[in-house]
Amino acid sequence: MSRDLPRPEYPRPQWVRPDWLSLNGEWEFEEDRDLSGLDRGLCCGHPLSGRIVVPFAPESRLSGLGKTEFMPAVWYRRTFRPPDEWQGRRVLHFGAVDYETTVWVNGRLGGSHRGGYSPFEFDITPHLRDGDNELVVRAIDDTGSALQPSGKQSERPESYGCLYTRTTGIWQTVWLEAAPAVRLERARFLPDVQRSRLSVVVQTTDAASDHVVIAVARAEGAEVAKVGADVQGGAAALDLDLGEARAWSPDDPFLYDLELHLTAGDSLVDRVESYFGMRQIDLESPAILLNGRPLFQRLVLDQGYYPDGIYTAPDDDALRRDIDLSQAMGFNGARLHQKVFEPRFLYWADRLGYLVWGEYPSWGLDISLPDALASILPEWLAVVQRDFNHPSVVGWGPLNETRHEPTPALVPAVYWATKQLDPTRPVIDTSGYVHAVTDVDDCHSYEQDPEKFAALFAAFAGDGEPFRNSAFDAPHRGQPYFVSEYGGVWWNPGQTDDKAWGYGDRPKTEEEFLARYRALTEAILLHPKICGFCYTQLYDIEQEVNGLYSYDRKPKFDPAVIRAINEQEAAVEGR
């Protein structure tokens, strides 16, 4: 793979096939403001008027365009030539495209997809010809629609408050992969730390009963388990006994390598490389347990924005660097807020021992509308399925700050669907505000006065109820409780205009900021019934200037000072 390509790394580290071709780089590009492109024949053999660098959205500088006005639809076009040895096995993959995507290959419809955050693929083998092939992509995007989830993308022409530059069209890697028609499709890893066993359920496409799946687990290169199972009904179930398993944790983020082979008789049909971590999440109020021990979750809000790439990190190092910066300040994880992060971020979280809560970009969707469930549930479940095997993912939060009162039926429906798909992790139905049913209770508070902030939780330290954001909140049932947004302290002492935004009164000095940060954080950290916090936020984003780092990731404070505050022993850890 050429290092001159943007984002050249393999985009799906937990499901790796060796034969692949990145389609990132320069594509033809054209806006379609009146949605007339299809009538004008842009789908089939029609050159487009501009150029763009994929996988960066046209709003970003890295795309070569930097156009931030509304674009109702955009078109992409390029040619590609698959290697000759890939005959009969070609699958086209998209990491994510915002929002409604249609794909044509050599003028023939390749497929369509709805949703701006989940991956999708099409087997385009029947559409290919010898030599060069034409690939055309159309993306329709309406951030102002009440039925389009868009997270923190601004519905106004400009960014404002805590809403930022929009993302239209392709924003994750596009690639072609050599994969047979009968192949390994997906797998689910279920670690049992106490029994040192990994259960694996593998799904296949069109595999007959004479096919066998073989799983091989390795620790630091040495084989520790190997087992095979027949495919029955398109799936195979395997249990790998690992001996004395090494648990995954922030202190020791140990990962096992895993190979999956699909065979028919003596023939190898398909092969995938993966990895897994042995860890277990349990709830034992007031704590969340990791591998049987209370672990206070010292989280920070990360919204996944970049000055030059908007939704898309400029390179793989930038994904790792954000985790390094967070850990340097003593955070052991993050809420991945109002955005589905790309798999390579989760790969680095797995490798670096970083706890994350996966979230759906539910803002922009009016959850009270009858059709809202159809706009969120299919894509959200696809995201949960995509990220199920990452040990770093310790919980799910499909919704954020649902303000509709009383709570629409959508909220419990999404909760129960998530629990059905993943019973191994806690689910917060809606972070902050109006809960319907939740495994972990939480609240948001941007009270800046430390005494008033601590007073919110004083009664809960005894026999009282926890602080709630709404009178319509479901009653507390004794679940673990954490403050999943707080702080947000406005700090940009060099500001010379009035365009910046943050919470509360700005501190007058750095010392005042640090004193406020300490007091707010210790009110949570040292509380006997609170299991975690999430500080807003890791870095500034555009006009929002409440980050601990600037938007270009420069520290505003000595990281060691913040780290010393965050890494104090929490009350729930000393139980």
Protein backbone atom coordinates (compact mmCIF):
# COMPACT_ATOMS: atom_id res chain seq x y z
CA MET A 1 0.00 0.00 0.00
CA SER A 2 1.47 3.34 -1.04
CA ARG A 3 2.36 5.64 1.84
CA ASP A 4 1.37 8.58 -0.38
CA LEU A 5 -2.28 7.68 0.05
CA PRO A 6 -4.24 9.51 2.74
CA ARG A 7 -5.10 7.24 5.67
CA PRO A 8 -3.30 4.23 4.14
CA GLU A 9 -3.62 1.89 7.15
CA TYR A 10 -6.01 -1.07 7.09
CA PRO A 11 -9.28 0.39 8.44
CA ARG A 12 -10.73 -2.65 10.27
CA PRO A 13 -8.08 -4.05 12.66
CA GLN A 14 -10.31 -6.72 14.25
CA TRP A 15 -11.24 -8.38 10.96
CA VAL A 16 -8.20 -8.34 8.71
CA ARG A 17 -7.82 -9.88 5.29
CA PRO A 18 -4.42 -9.51 3.60
CA ASP A 19 -5.64 -8.83 0.07
CA TRP A 20 -7.12 -5.33 -0.09
CA LEU A 21 -6.86 -2.16 -2.14
CA SER A 22 -7.38 1.31 -0.67
CA LEU A 23 -9.53 3.58 -2.80
CA ASN A 24 -8.59 6.68 -0.82
CA GLY A 25 -6.97 9.55 -2.67
CA GLU A 26 -8.17 11.95 -5.36
CA TRP A 27 -11.67 11.45 -6.76
CA GLU A 28 -13.77 13.55 -9.10
CA PHE A 29 -16.38 15.51 -7.15
CA GLU A 30 -19.45 17.65 -7.76
CA GLU A 31 -22.10 19.30 -5.62
CA ASP A 32 -25.74 18.71 -6.49
CA ARG A 33 -27.68 21.57 -4.92
CA ASP A 34 -30.99 20.90 -6.68
CA LEU A 35 -30.80 17.07 -6.53
CA SER A 36 -30.76 16.91 -10.32
CA GLY A 37 -27.62 14.81 -10.69
CA LEU A 38 -29.41 11.56 -11.41
CA ASP A 39 -31.48 13.19 -14.15
CA ARG A 40 -28.30 14.69 -15.59
CA GLY A 41 -26.72 11.24 -15.83
CA LEU A 42 -23.98 11.71 -13.21
CA CYS A 43 -24.28 8.05 -12.23
CA CYS A 44 -22.98 6.65 -15.48
CA GLY A 45 -19.88 7.63 -17.40
CA HIS A 46 -20.23 11.37 -16.75
CA PRO A 47 -17.09 13.28 -15.67
CA LEU A 48 -17.57 15.48 -12.61
CA SER A 49 -16.50 19.10 -12.47
CA GLY A 50 -14.26 19.13 -9.38
CA ARG A 51 -11.74 17.16 -7.31
CA ILE A 52 -11.68 15.97 -3.70
CA VAL A 53 -9.33 13.97 -1.50
CA VAL A 54 -11.11 10.95 0.03
CA PRO A 55 -11.72 10.07 2.87
CA PHE A 56 -11.99 13.69 3.99
CA ALA A 57 -15.36 15.43 3.87
CA PRO A 58 -15.69 18.44 1.55
CA GLU A 59 -16.09 20.74 4.58
CA SER A 60 -12.55 19.90 5.72
CA ARG A 61 -9.30 21.49 4.63
CA LEU A 62 -7.73 18.07 4.08
CA SER A 63 -10.28 17.35 1.36
CA GLY A 64 -8.79 20.18 -0.68
CA LEU A 65 -12.10 22.05 -0.63
CA GLY A 66 -12.99 23.45 2.81
CA LYS A 67 -16.55 24.31 1.72
CA THR A 68 -18.77 24.66 4.78
CA GLU A 69 -22.08 25.75 3.27
CA PHE A 70 -25.02 23.33 3.06
CA MET A 71 -24.66 20.66 0.36
CA PRO A 72 -27.92 18.72 -0.14
CA ALA A 73 -26.16 16.09 -2.24
CA VAL A 74 -22.65 15.35 -3.46
CA TRP A 75 -21.28 13.03 -6.14
CA TYR A 76 -17.96 11.20 -6.32
CA ARG A 77 -16.36 9.39 -9.24
CA ARG A 78 -13.13 7.49 -9.86
CA THR A 79 -11.76 4.52 -11.75
CA PHE A 80 -9.99 1.53 -10.25
CA ARG A 81 -8.44 -1.70 -11.44
CA PRO A 82 -8.58 -4.79 -9.18
CA PRO A 83 -5.58 -7.13 -9.25
CA ASP A 84 -6.02 -9.84 -11.85
CA GLU A 85 -5.55 -12.59 -9.26
CA TRP A 86 -8.70 -11.43 -7.44
CA GLN A 87 -11.01 -12.92 -10.05
CA GLY A 88 -14.41 -13.81 -8.62
CA ARG A 89 -13.89 -12.34 -5.13
CA ARG A 90 -14.29 -8.57 -4.86
CA VAL A 91 -16.15 -6.77 -2.08
CA LEU A 92 -16.42 -2.97 -1.89
CA HIS A 93 -16.33 -1.47 1.63
CA PHE A 94 -17.22 1.95 3.00
CA GLY A 95 -16.26 2.88 6.57
CA ALA A 96 -18.93 5.60 6.78
CA VAL A 97 -20.72 8.01 4.45
CA ASP A 98 -23.05 10.79 5.64
CA TYR A 99 -25.95 10.18 5.04
CA GLU A 100 -27.97 8.37 2.29
CA THR A 101 -25.61 6.63 -0.10
CA THR A 102 -26.12 5.10 -3.54
CA VAL A 103 -23.31 3.35 -5.43
CA TRP A 104 -22.96 2.56 -9.13
CA VAL A 105 -20.26 0.36 -10.68
CA ASN A 106 -19.79 0.68 -14.43
CA GLY A 107 -23.23 2.25 -14.68
CA ARG A 108 -24.96 -0.56 -12.79
CA LEU A 109 -26.49 -0.13 -9.36
CA GLY A 110 -24.14 -1.59 -6.77
CA GLY A 111 -26.28 -0.91 -3.71
CA SER A 112 -27.55 1.72 -1.28
CA HIS A 113 -27.25 2.48 2.42
CA ARG A 114 -28.94 4.81 4.91
CA GLY A 115 -27.06 6.19 7.90
CA GLY A 116 -24.02 8.40 8.37
CA TYR A 117 -22.00 6.38 10.88
CA SER A 118 -22.10 2.63 10.19
CA PRO A 119 -20.02 0.62 7.72
CA PHE A 120 -21.50 -1.09 4.68
CA GLU A 121 -20.32 -3.29 1.85
CA PHE A 122 -21.41 -4.56 -1.55
CA ASP A 123 -20.23 -7.59 -3.48
CA ILE A 124 -19.54 -5.93 -6.82
CA THR A 125 -18.02 -8.96 -8.56
CA PRO A 126 -20.89 -9.29 -11.09
CA HIS A 127 -20.52 -5.65 -12.14
CA LEU A 128 -16.79 -5.68 -12.90
CA ARG A 129 -15.04 -5.80 -16.25
CA ASP A 130 -11.46 -6.32 -17.36
CA GLY A 131 -9.21 -3.29 -17.04
CA ASP A 132 -10.42 -0.02 -15.54
CA ASN A 133 -13.76 0.16 -13.76
CA GLU A 134 -15.89 3.21 -12.94
CA LEU A 135 -17.12 3.77 -9.37
CA VAL A 136 -19.70 6.51 -8.69
CA VAL A 137 -21.07 7.45 -5.27
CA ARG A 138 -23.92 9.83 -4.43
CA ALA A 139 -24.53 11.01 -0.86
CA ILE A 140 -27.67 12.92 0.13
CA ASP A 141 -27.37 14.86 3.39
CA ASP A 142 -30.03 16.93 5.18
CA THR A 143 -28.74 17.97 8.59
CA GLY A 144 -31.87 20.06 9.13
CA SER A 145 -34.19 17.08 8.90
CA ALA A 146 -35.78 16.08 12.20
CA LEU A 147 -35.37 12.45 11.12
CA GLN A 148 -31.64 12.49 10.42
CA PRO A 149 -29.33 11.84 13.38
CA SER A 150 -26.42 14.25 13.05
CA GLY A 151 -24.77 14.55 16.45
CA LYS A 152 -22.95 17.85 16.95
CA GLN A 153 -23.24 18.98 13.32
CA SER A 154 -24.73 22.46 13.16
CA GLU A 155 -28.17 22.82 11.58
CA ARG A 156 -27.42 26.49 10.97
CA PRO A 157 -25.13 27.80 8.23
CA GLU A 158 -22.54 28.55 10.90
CA SER A 159 -21.18 26.77 13.97
CA TYR A 160 -22.42 28.03 17.32
CA GLY A 161 -22.41 27.05 21.00
CA CYS A 162 -21.63 23.34 21.23
CA LEU A 163 -22.52 22.60 17.59
CA TYR A 164 -19.83 22.49 14.94
CA THR A 165 -19.00 22.24 11.24
CA ARG A 166 -21.05 19.71 9.31
CA THR A 167 -19.75 16.59 7.57
CA THR A 168 -21.16 15.58 4.20
CA GLY A 169 -20.47 12.45 2.20
CA ILE A 170 -17.50 10.10 2.53
CA TRP A 171 -15.59 10.53 5.79
CA GLN A 172 -14.00 7.14 6.37
CA THR A 173 -11.83 4.89 4.22
CA VAL A 174 -13.18 3.28 1.05
CA TRP A 175 -11.55 0.01 0.06
CA LEU A 176 -11.83 -3.05 -2.11
CA GLU A 177 -11.15 -6.44 -0.60
CA ALA A 178 -10.58 -9.89 -1.98
CA ALA A 179 -13.10 -12.15 -0.25
CA PRO A 180 -14.76 -15.29 -1.62
CA ALA A 181 -18.51 -15.61 -2.02
CA VAL A 182 -18.49 -18.23 0.72
CA ARG A 183 -16.62 -16.49 3.51
CA LEU A 184 -16.32 -15.66 7.18
CA GLU A 185 -18.79 -12.83 7.68
CA ARG A 186 -18.51 -11.84 11.35
CA ALA A 187 -17.77 -13.25 14.79
CA ARG A 188 -18.74 -12.56 18.38
CA PHE A 189 -16.20 -13.00 21.18
CA LEU A 190 -17.47 -13.79 24.69
CA PRO A 191 -14.65 -13.84 27.27
CA ASP A 192 -15.12 -15.77 30.52
CA VAL A 193 -12.31 -14.50 32.74
CA GLN A 194 -13.04 -16.82 35.68
CA ARG A 195 -12.91 -19.96 33.52
CA SER A 196 -10.10 -18.67 31.26
CA ARG A 197 -12.26 -19.41 28.25
CA LEU A 198 -13.22 -17.50 25.12
CA SER A 199 -16.44 -18.51 23.40
CA VAL A 200 -16.59 -17.56 19.73
CA VAL A 201 -19.65 -17.60 17.51
CA VAL A 202 -18.73 -17.25 13.84
CA GLN A 203 -21.22 -16.44 11.10
CA THR A 204 -20.55 -17.31 7.46
CA THR A 205 -22.10 -16.50 4.12
CA ASP A 206 -23.65 -19.43 2.26
CA ALA A 207 -21.40 -22.00 3.93
CA ALA A 208 -22.65 -25.56 3.61
CA SER A 209 -22.66 -28.19 6.34
CA ASP A 210 -19.35 -29.65 5.10
CA HIS A 211 -17.51 -26.45 6.07
CA VAL A 212 -15.50 -26.18 9.29
CA VAL A 213 -14.34 -23.12 11.22
CA ILE A 214 -10.97 -23.43 12.98
CA ALA A 215 -9.90 -20.88 15.61
CA VAL A 216 -6.30 -20.47 16.77
CA ALA A 217 -5.44 -18.19 19.73
CA ARG A 218 -1.91 -16.96 20.39
CA ALA A 219 -0.35 -15.06 23.29
CA GLU A 220 2.81 -13.15 22.39
CA GLY A 221 3.26 -15.40 19.36
CA ALA A 222 2.83 -18.74 21.16
CA GLU A 223 -0.20 -20.86 20.39
CA VAL A 224 -2.37 -21.29 23.50
CA ALA A 225 -5.55 -22.80 22.06
CA LYS A 226 -6.85 -24.34 18.85
CA VAL A 227 -10.32 -25.72 18.19
CA GLY A 228 -12.62 -26.44 15.27
CA ALA A 229 -16.37 -26.72 14.81
CA ASP A 230 -18.73 -27.63 11.99
CA VAL A 231 -20.79 -24.92 10.35
CA GLN A 232 -24.48 -25.46 11.01
CA GLY A 233 -27.09 -23.06 9.72
CA GLY A 234 -24.44 -20.58 8.63
CA ALA A 235 -22.74 -20.41 12.04
CA ALA A 236 -20.17 -22.25 14.13
CA ALA A 237 -19.70 -22.10 17.92
CA LEU A 238 -16.29 -22.69 19.47
CA ASP A 239 -14.82 -22.59 22.99
CA LEU A 240 -11.13 -21.87 23.41
CA ASP A 241 -9.59 -22.86 26.76
CA LEU A 242 -6.66 -20.51 27.31
CA GLY A 243 -5.03 -22.11 30.32
CA GLU A 244 -4.40 -19.36 32.84
CA ALA A 245 -5.86 -16.36 31.05
CA ARG A 246 -4.24 -12.95 31.31
CA ALA A 247 -6.93 -10.36 31.94
CA TRP A 248 -7.19 -7.09 30.01
CA SER A 249 -7.27 -3.88 32.07
CA PRO A 250 -6.01 -0.29 31.90
CA ASP A 251 -2.98 -1.38 33.91
CA ASP A 252 -2.31 -4.39 31.67
CA PRO A 253 -4.06 -4.09 28.29
CA PHE A 254 -3.02 -7.56 27.16
CA LEU A 255 -4.42 -8.75 23.84
CA TYR A 256 -4.47 -12.25 22.38
CA ASP A 257 -4.13 -12.77 18.63
CA LEU A 258 -6.75 -14.88 16.92
CA GLU A 259 -6.91 -16.54 13.51
CA LEU A 260 -10.13 -17.86 12.03
CA HIS A 261 -10.05 -20.32 9.13
CA LEU A 262 -12.98 -21.53 7.06
CA THR A 263 -12.24 -24.87 5.42
CA ALA A 264 -14.00 -27.38 3.19
CA GLY A 265 -12.28 -30.74 3.30
CA ASP A 266 -8.58 -30.08 2.82
CA SER A 267 -9.14 -26.69 1.17
CA LEU A 268 -8.79 -23.33 2.88
CA VAL A 269 -11.79 -21.26 1.81
CA ASP A 270 -11.23 -18.06 3.82
CA ARG A 271 -8.96 -16.72 6.56
CA VAL A 272 -9.26 -13.70 8.87
CA GLU A 273 -6.91 -12.31 11.51
CA SER A 274 -8.26 -10.73 14.68
CA TYR A 275 -7.52 -10.22 18.37
CA PHE A 276 -9.38 -10.19 21.69
CA GLY A 277 -9.00 -9.17 25.31
CA MET A 278 -10.14 -11.12 28.37
CA ARG A 279 -12.15 -8.80 30.55
CA GLN A 280 -15.49 -8.75 32.33
CA ILE A 281 -17.83 -5.92 33.36
CA ASP A 282 -20.16 -6.32 36.36
CA LEU A 283 -22.35 -3.96 38.34
CA GLU A 284 -22.19 -4.11 42.13
CA SER A 285 -23.61 -0.90 43.48
CA PRO A 286 -22.16 1.59 44.11
CA ALA A 287 -19.34 0.47 41.79
CA ILE A 288 -18.80 -0.76 38.27
CA LEU A 289 -16.46 -3.75 38.46
CA LEU A 290 -13.74 -4.60 35.98
CA ASN A 291 -12.63 -8.22 36.30
CA GLY A 292 -14.27 -8.41 39.71
CA ARG A 293 -12.73 -5.26 41.21
CA PRO A 294 -14.19 -1.75 41.62
CA LEU A 295 -12.66 0.65 39.11
CA PHE A 296 -13.61 4.32 39.24
CA GLN A 297 -14.19 5.53 35.72
CA ARG A 298 -12.16 8.72 35.26
CA LEU A 299 -13.59 9.69 31.90
CA VAL A 300 -13.29 12.73 29.68
CA LEU A 301 -15.65 13.84 26.93
CA ASP A 302 -14.13 13.25 23.48
CA GLN A 303 -16.14 14.40 20.47
CA GLY A 304 -13.79 13.23 17.73
CA TYR A 305 -13.21 16.50 15.88
CA TYR A 306 -10.03 17.68 14.15
CA PRO A 307 -9.18 21.20 12.93
CA ASP A 308 -8.13 20.04 9.47
CA GLY A 309 -10.24 16.88 9.06
CA ILE A 310 -13.45 17.71 11.01
CA TYR A 311 -14.84 14.17 11.57
CA THR A 312 -11.77 12.44 10.08
CA ALA A 313 -8.42 12.22 11.82
CA PRO A 314 -5.59 13.40 9.55
CA ASP A 315 -3.66 10.19 10.19
CA ASP A 316 -3.59 7.13 12.40
CA ASP A 317 -1.13 8.76 14.79
CA ALA A 318 -3.72 11.45 15.59
CA LEU A 319 -6.13 8.80 16.84
CA ARG A 320 -3.53 7.36 19.19
CA ARG A 321 -2.33 10.79 20.25
CA ASP A 322 -5.73 11.81 21.62
CA ILE A 323 -5.68 8.76 23.90
CA ASP A 324 -2.11 9.51 24.95
CA LEU A 325 -3.07 13.11 25.76
CA SER A 326 -6.02 11.96 27.83
CA GLN A 327 -3.99 9.42 29.76
CA ALA A 328 -1.29 12.01 30.38
CA MET A 329 -3.87 13.93 32.43
CA GLY A 330 -4.88 10.87 34.43
CA PHE A 331 -8.07 9.91 32.61
CA ASN A 332 -8.58 6.18 32.11
CA GLY A 333 -11.25 6.50 29.44
CA ALA A 334 -13.75 8.62 27.55
CA ARG A 335 -17.33 9.04 26.53
CA LEU A 336 -17.13 9.00 22.74
CA HIS A 337 -19.69 11.72 22.49
CA GLN A 338 -22.38 12.15 19.82
CA LYS A 339 -20.32 10.41 17.16
CA VAL A 340 -19.46 6.83 16.19
CA PHE A 341 -15.67 6.71 16.23
CA GLU A 342 -13.83 4.76 13.58
CA PRO A 343 -12.58 1.24 14.38
CA ARG A 344 -8.95 2.31 14.43
CA PHE A 345 -9.60 4.59 17.42
CA LEU A 346 -11.04 1.58 19.25
CA TYR A 347 -8.03 -0.47 18.19
CA TRP A 348 -5.75 2.03 19.93
CA ALA A 349 -8.05 2.10 22.95
CA ASP A 350 -7.75 -1.69 23.12
CA ARG A 351 -3.96 -1.58 22.87
CA LEU A 352 -3.50 1.28 25.33
CA GLY A 353 -5.96 0.16 28.00
CA TYR A 354 -8.48 2.97 27.56
CA LEU A 355 -12.09 2.55 28.69
CA VAL A 356 -14.74 3.94 26.34
CA TRP A 357 -18.50 4.28 26.26
CA GLY A 358 -19.91 3.95 22.77
CA GLU A 359 -22.60 6.46 21.84
CA TYR A 360 -24.86 7.22 18.92
CA PRO A 361 -25.09 10.77 17.46
CA SER A 362 -28.72 11.10 18.45
CA TRP A 363 -28.89 14.90 18.37
CA GLY A 364 -30.72 16.19 15.33
CA LEU A 365 -33.30 13.41 15.61
CA ASP A 366 -36.69 14.33 17.06
CA ILE A 367 -37.33 11.16 19.06
CA SER A 368 -40.98 12.06 19.59
CA LEU A 369 -41.79 11.55 15.90
CA PRO A 370 -43.45 8.25 14.89
CA ASP A 371 -40.71 7.44 12.35
CA ALA A 372 -37.81 8.26 14.65
CA LEU A 373 -37.21 4.66 15.74
CA ALA A 374 -36.59 3.63 12.12
CA SER A 375 -34.01 6.41 11.84
CA ILE A 376 -31.93 5.28 14.80
CA LEU A 377 -32.40 1.63 15.65
CA PRO A 378 -31.07 -0.20 12.55
CA GLU A 379 -27.90 1.87 12.41
CA TRP A 380 -27.35 1.86 16.18
CA LEU A 381 -27.58 -1.94 16.30
CA ALA A 382 -25.15 -2.14 13.37
CA VAL A 383 -22.72 -0.01 15.41
CA VAL A 384 -23.10 -2.23 18.49
CA GLN A 385 -22.47 -5.28 16.33
CA ARG A 386 -19.42 -3.64 14.72
CA ASP A 387 -17.81 -2.79 18.06
CA PHE A 388 -18.96 -5.71 20.20
CA ASN A 389 -15.55 -7.42 20.35
CA HIS A 390 -13.49 -4.44 21.51
CA PRO A 391 -12.46 -4.95 25.17
CA SER A 392 -12.08 -1.20 25.58
CA VAL A 393 -15.83 -0.68 25.11
CA VAL A 394 -17.28 -0.97 28.61
CA GLY A 395 -20.77 0.43 28.08
CA TRP A 396 -23.29 1.81 25.61
CA GLY A 397 -25.14 5.13 25.59
CA PRO A 398 -27.40 5.25 22.53
CA LEU A 399 -29.07 8.57 23.42
CA ASN A 400 -27.97 11.84 25.00
CA GLU A 401 -30.02 14.44 26.90
CA THR A 402 -33.46 13.45 25.69
CA ARG A 403 -35.54 16.41 26.84
CA HIS A 404 -38.99 15.25 25.74
CA GLU A 405 -41.24 14.90 28.76
CA PRO A 406 -42.71 12.48 29.41
CA THR A 407 -40.20 10.13 27.81
CA PRO A 408 -41.26 8.79 24.37
CA ALA A 409 -41.58 5.04 23.91
CA LEU A 410 -38.48 5.13 21.70
CA VAL A 411 -36.14 5.37 24.71
CA PRO A 412 -36.99 2.03 26.38
CA ALA A 413 -37.27 0.39 22.95
CA VAL A 414 -33.70 1.33 22.09
CA TYR A 415 -32.50 0.25 25.54
CA TRP A 416 -34.08 -3.20 25.33
CA ALA A 417 -32.92 -3.77 21.76
CA THR A 418 -29.37 -2.91 22.84
CA LYS A 419 -29.56 -5.31 25.79
CA GLN A 420 -30.82 -8.08 23.53
CA LEU A 421 -27.88 -7.63 21.19
CA ASP A 422 -25.33 -7.17 23.97
CA PRO A 423 -26.23 -8.45 27.45
CA THR A 424 -22.56 -8.30 28.53
CA ARG A 425 -22.27 -4.53 28.99
CA PRO A 426 -24.23 -1.89 30.92
CA VAL A 427 -26.52 0.35 28.89
CA ILE A 428 -27.47 3.90 29.80
CA ASP A 429 -30.68 4.53 27.93
CA THR A 430 -30.13 8.29 27.67
CA SER A 431 -27.21 10.06 29.24
CA GLY A 432 -28.52 12.75 31.55
CA TYR A 433 -32.07 14.16 31.73
CA VAL A 434 -35.01 11.77 31.31
CA HIS A 435 -34.24 8.11 31.98
CA ALA A 436 -36.79 5.40 31.29
CA VAL A 437 -34.82 2.24 32.11
CA THR A 438 -31.07 2.17 32.65
CA ASP A 439 -28.35 -0.10 34.06
CA VAL A 440 -26.27 2.83 35.32
CA ASP A 441 -27.90 6.02 36.59
CA ASP A 442 -26.24 9.28 35.63
CA CYS A 443 -26.65 13.03 35.58
CA HIS A 444 -25.20 16.11 33.90
CA SER A 445 -24.36 19.24 35.86
CA TYR A 446 -22.39 22.30 34.79
CA GLU A 447 -22.75 24.08 38.13
CA GLN A 448 -19.51 26.04 38.48
CA ASP A 449 -19.66 26.86 42.18
CA PRO A 450 -17.91 23.94 43.92
CA GLU A 451 -19.98 24.28 47.10
CA LYS A 452 -23.27 24.28 45.22
CA PHE A 453 -22.02 21.43 43.04
CA ALA A 454 -21.08 19.28 46.05
CA ALA A 455 -24.44 20.08 47.65
CA LEU A 456 -26.24 18.42 44.72
CA PHE A 457 -24.88 15.05 45.87
CA ALA A 458 -24.76 15.54 49.64
CA ALA A 459 -28.04 13.79 50.45
CA PHE A 460 -27.07 10.80 48.29
CA ALA A 461 -24.02 10.22 50.49
CA GLY A 462 -26.46 9.21 53.22
CA ASP A 463 -29.94 7.79 52.73
CA GLY A 464 -31.14 10.40 50.25
CA GLU A 465 -31.83 10.17 46.56
CA PRO A 466 -29.23 11.07 43.91
CA PHE A 467 -29.41 14.33 41.99
CA ARG A 468 -31.66 14.05 38.93
CA ASN A 469 -31.88 16.30 35.88
CA SER A 470 -35.65 16.00 35.49
CA ALA A 471 -38.75 15.41 37.55
CA PHE A 472 -39.77 12.92 34.84
CA ASP A 473 -36.68 10.77 35.45
CA ALA A 474 -37.41 7.13 36.31
CA PRO A 475 -36.91 6.42 40.03
CA HIS A 476 -33.42 5.43 41.13
CA ARG A 477 -33.34 1.66 41.71
CA GLY A 478 -29.97 1.42 43.43
CA GLN A 479 -27.92 1.23 40.24
CA PRO A 480 -24.35 2.51 40.15
CA TYR A 481 -24.45 6.26 39.64
CA PHE A 482 -22.03 8.59 37.92
CA VAL A 483 -21.75 12.19 36.85
CA SER A 484 -21.39 11.76 33.11
CA GLU A 485 -20.94 15.46 32.28
CA TYR A 486 -19.55 18.18 34.49
CA GLY A 487 -17.02 21.00 34.45
CA GLY A 488 -16.87 22.51 31.01
CA VAL A 489 -14.95 25.40 32.52
CA TRP A 490 -14.52 28.24 30.01
CA TRP A 491 -10.79 28.95 29.72
CA ASN A 492 -9.29 30.92 26.85
CA PRO A 493 -7.42 33.81 28.43
CA GLY A 494 -6.13 35.09 25.08
CA GLN A 495 -9.60 35.72 23.66
CA THR A 496 -9.98 39.07 21.91
CA ASP A 497 -13.56 38.74 20.60
CA ASP A 498 -16.93 37.48 21.84
CA LYS A 499 -17.25 34.42 19.59
CA ALA A 500 -16.01 31.82 22.06
CA TRP A 501 -18.38 29.72 24.17
CA GLY A 502 -18.17 27.73 27.38
CA TYR A 503 -19.97 27.10 30.65
CA GLY A 504 -20.25 29.49 33.57
CA ASP A 505 -18.09 32.39 34.64
CA ARG A 506 -14.54 32.29 33.32
CA PRO A 507 -11.83 31.95 35.98
CA LYS A 508 -9.60 35.00 36.18
CA THR A 509 -6.34 33.07 36.61
CA GLU A 510 -4.92 29.64 35.93
CA GLU A 511 -4.73 29.07 39.68
CA GLU A 512 -8.44 29.80 39.99
CA PHE A 513 -9.18 27.34 37.18
CA LEU A 514 -7.16 24.57 38.81
CA ALA A 515 -8.74 25.21 42.21
CA ARG A 516 -12.20 24.93 40.62
CA TYR A 517 -11.23 21.81 38.70
CA ARG A 518 -9.91 20.16 41.87
CA ALA A 519 -12.95 21.03 43.96
CA LEU A 520 -15.48 19.91 41.35
CA THR A 521 -13.61 16.68 40.65
CA GLU A 522 -13.02 15.75 44.28
CA ALA A 523 -16.72 16.27 45.03
CA ILE A 524 -17.33 13.29 42.72
CA LEU A 525 -14.16 11.27 43.19
CA LEU A 526 -14.38 11.15 46.98
CA HIS A 527 -18.15 10.57 47.15
CA PRO A 528 -18.94 7.13 48.63
CA LYS A 529 -21.76 6.34 46.16
CA ILE A 530 -20.50 7.73 42.84
CA CYS A 531 -18.69 5.33 40.50
CA GLY A 532 -17.27 7.68 37.89
CA PHE A 533 -17.09 11.08 36.25
CA CYS A 534 -16.80 12.48 32.77
CA TYR A 535 -15.22 15.92 32.45
CA THR A 536 -16.20 18.24 29.59
CA GLN A 537 -13.93 18.15 27.67
CA LEU A 538 -10.56 16.91 26.36
CA TYR A 539 -9.91 19.68 23.81
CA ASP A 540 -11.52 22.82 22.44
CA ILE A 541 -13.64 22.48 19.30
CA GLU A 542 -14.03 25.54 17.11
CA GLN A 543 -15.82 28.17 19.24
CA GLU A 544 -16.26 25.89 22.27
CA VAL A 545 -13.28 26.63 24.51
CA ASN A 546 -13.75 24.45 27.58
CA GLY A 547 -11.10 21.89 26.69
CA LEU A 548 -8.08 20.93 28.76
CA TYR A 549 -6.17 21.12 25.46
CA SER A 550 -6.61 23.61 22.66
CA TYR A 551 -8.18 22.50 19.38
CA ASP A 552 -4.70 21.86 17.98
CA ARG A 553 -4.00 19.65 21.02
CA LYS A 554 -1.68 21.94 22.99
CA PRO A 555 -2.06 21.63 26.78
CA LYS A 556 -3.58 24.62 28.56
CA PHE A 557 -2.23 23.37 31.89
CA ASP A 558 0.58 21.17 33.12
CA PRO A 559 -0.83 17.67 32.50
CA ALA A 560 0.87 16.42 35.68
CA VAL A 561 -1.24 18.78 37.82
CA ILE A 562 -4.51 17.51 36.34
CA ARG A 563 -3.23 13.95 36.55
CA ALA A 564 -2.46 14.26 40.26
CA ILE A 565 -6.05 15.34 40.92
CA ASN A 566 -7.64 12.65 38.76
CA GLU A 567 -5.55 9.74 40.00
CA GLN A 568 -6.41 10.10 43.67
CA GLU A 569 -7.98 6.93 45.07
CA ALA A 570 -11.73 7.13 44.69
CA ALA A 571 -14.01 6.34 47.60
CA VAL A 572 -15.65 3.40 45.77
CA GLU A 573 -12.20 1.91 45.05
CA GLY A 574 -11.29 1.89 48.72
CA ARG A 575 -14.33 -0.14 49.79
